[in-house]
Amino acid sequence: MYTKGSKNLRLIIGIISIVLSLVVLFQSCAAGAANALSENGESSGTAGALLAIIMLISGIISIAARKSKGGIVTSAVFYILGGVLAFSSAGSFSDLKIWAVVAFIFAALLMISLKMKKKDEDPAQKEKE
């Protein structure tokens, strides 16, 4: 059984992720338009839009499956994939690196929340008794 704090952490990460996905999408549209106008051949705007979609999906999964281990692992994997995608194609859109770090932080917090179990169900505690 997970602690109430871990479930709340997952809910908060999900809500923040959904809100930030809108910010990332807006910035990515602007970066994509700038890339198209300058005809520099970069795809950082598209990568940012993909990161925004991944953050939205991860946020929804984090909220909907905050009581299950599989849902949280899936959400963390999506954050990691989004972060790798964003880092690999940041280009001139330097804010994309910041959003990639945020995605990695969210993934790490979700993985930490998996370890937050109630003490009475900890196997080490049962062996001591």
Protein backbone atom coordinates (compact mmCIF):
# COMPACT_ATOMS: atom_id res chain seq x y z
CA MET A 1 0.00 0.00 0.00
CA TYR A 2 1.38 3.38 -0.97
CA THR A 3 1.37 6.32 1.37
CA LYS A 4 -1.05 9.16 0.87
CA GLY A 5 1.91 11.43 0.19
CA SER A 6 3.04 9.36 -2.78
CA LYS A 7 -0.44 9.41 -4.30
CA ASN A 8 -0.63 13.17 -3.79
CA LEU A 9 2.82 13.59 -5.35
CA ARG A 10 1.68 11.69 -8.43
CA LEU A 11 -1.48 13.80 -8.66
CA ILE A 12 0.47 17.05 -8.36
CA ILE A 13 3.04 15.95 -10.96
CA GLY A 14 0.21 15.02 -13.31
CA ILE A 15 -1.54 18.38 -12.94
CA ILE A 16 1.68 20.37 -13.34
CA SER A 17 2.61 18.26 -16.36
CA ILE A 18 -0.70 18.95 -18.08
CA VAL A 19 -0.39 22.70 -17.49
CA LEU A 20 3.26 22.78 -18.59
CA SER A 21 2.42 20.82 -21.72
CA LEU A 22 0.33 23.78 -22.88
CA VAL A 23 3.24 26.17 -22.24
CA VAL A 24 5.67 23.89 -24.07
CA LEU A 25 3.25 23.55 -26.98
CA PHE A 26 2.86 27.33 -27.26
CA GLN A 27 6.63 27.87 -27.20
CA SER A 28 7.16 25.07 -29.70
CA CYS A 29 4.69 26.59 -32.13
CA ALA A 30 6.60 29.86 -31.94
CA ALA A 31 9.94 28.07 -32.39
CA GLY A 32 8.55 26.08 -35.30
CA ALA A 33 7.32 29.24 -36.99
CA ALA A 34 10.72 30.85 -36.46
CA ASN A 35 12.42 27.78 -37.96
CA ALA A 36 10.12 27.91 -40.98
CA LEU A 37 10.64 31.62 -41.53
CA SER A 38 14.41 31.39 -41.27
CA GLU A 39 14.47 28.23 -43.44
CA ASN A 40 17.28 26.76 -41.33
CA GLY A 41 16.07 23.16 -41.60
CA GLU A 42 15.84 22.62 -37.84
CA SER A 43 13.10 20.54 -36.29
CA SER A 44 13.26 21.80 -32.72
CA GLY A 45 9.73 23.22 -32.91
CA THR A 46 8.36 19.83 -33.92
CA ALA A 47 10.37 18.10 -31.18
CA GLY A 48 8.94 20.56 -28.67
CA ALA A 49 5.40 19.83 -29.85
CA LEU A 50 6.07 16.09 -29.47
CA LEU A 51 7.44 16.69 -25.97
CA ALA A 52 4.29 18.64 -25.11
CA ILE A 53 2.11 15.75 -26.31
CA ILE A 54 4.23 13.27 -24.35
CA MET A 55 4.00 15.42 -21.22
CA LEU A 56 0.23 15.63 -21.64
CA ILE A 57 -0.06 11.85 -22.02
CA SER A 58 2.25 11.23 -19.05
CA GLY A 59 0.32 13.68 -16.89
CA ILE A 60 -2.98 11.99 -17.70
CA ILE A 61 -1.53 8.55 -17.00
CA SER A 62 0.01 9.80 -13.75
CA ILE A 63 -3.35 11.09 -12.55
CA ALA A 64 -5.47 8.18 -13.76
CA ALA A 65 -3.14 5.42 -12.55
CA ARG A 66 -1.71 7.00 -9.43
CA LYS A 67 -2.64 3.96 -7.35
CA SER A 68 -0.97 1.38 -9.60
CA LYS A 69 2.68 0.57 -10.07
CA GLY A 70 2.38 -0.16 -13.79
CA GLY A 71 0.77 3.16 -14.59
CA ILE A 72 3.45 5.10 -12.78
CA VAL A 73 6.26 3.17 -14.48
CA THR A 74 4.58 3.80 -17.86
CA SER A 75 4.30 7.50 -17.11
CA ALA A 76 7.96 7.67 -16.04
CA VAL A 77 9.06 5.88 -19.22
CA PHE A 78 7.13 8.41 -21.31
CA TYR A 79 8.83 11.26 -19.46
CA ILE A 80 12.25 9.71 -20.08
CA LEU A 81 11.52 9.17 -23.78
CA GLY A 82 10.28 12.75 -24.09
CA GLY A 83 13.38 14.09 -22.35
CA VAL A 84 15.71 12.12 -24.62
CA LEU A 85 13.80 13.32 -27.69
CA ALA A 86 13.96 16.92 -26.53
CA PHE A 87 17.67 16.83 -25.70
CA SER A 88 18.57 15.19 -28.99
CA SER A 89 16.81 17.76 -31.15
CA ALA A 90 16.94 21.02 -29.19
CA GLY A 91 18.84 22.99 -31.85
CA SER A 92 18.28 26.72 -31.58
CA PHE A 93 15.25 26.24 -29.31
CA SER A 94 17.30 26.31 -26.11
CA ASP A 95 14.24 26.24 -23.83
CA LEU A 96 13.65 22.71 -25.04
CA LYS A 97 16.63 21.57 -22.97
CA ILE A 98 15.00 23.08 -19.88
CA TRP A 99 11.76 21.22 -20.59
CA ALA A 100 13.75 18.02 -21.10
CA VAL A 101 15.30 18.44 -17.64
CA VAL A 102 11.80 19.01 -16.21
CA ALA A 103 10.65 15.76 -17.85
CA PHE A 104 13.62 13.89 -16.34
CA ILE A 105 12.85 15.38 -12.90
CA PHE A 106 9.22 14.28 -13.16
CA ALA A 107 10.35 10.77 -14.11
CA ALA A 108 12.72 10.65 -11.14
CA LEU A 109 10.03 11.87 -8.73
CA LEU A 110 7.60 9.26 -9.99
CA MET A 111 10.17 6.51 -9.55
CA ILE A 112 10.92 7.77 -6.03
CA SER A 113 7.19 7.73 -5.27
CA LEU A 114 7.17 4.00 -6.02
CA LYS A 115 9.48 3.47 -3.04
CA MET A 116 7.22 5.40 -0.67
CA LYS A 117 5.34 2.52 0.97
CA LYS A 118 3.72 2.35 4.34
CA LYS A 119 6.11 1.07 6.97
CA ASP A 120 3.79 -1.69 8.12
CA GLU A 121 4.02 -3.37 4.69
CA ASP A 122 7.77 -3.11 4.34
CA PRO A 123 9.24 -6.67 4.13
CA ALA A 124 12.22 -5.68 6.25
CA GLN A 125 9.87 -4.56 9.01
CA LYS A 126 8.00 -7.89 8.92
CA GLU A 127 11.23 -9.85 9.31
CA LYS A 128 12.18 -7.88 12.43
CA GLU A 129 8.93 -8.75 14.17
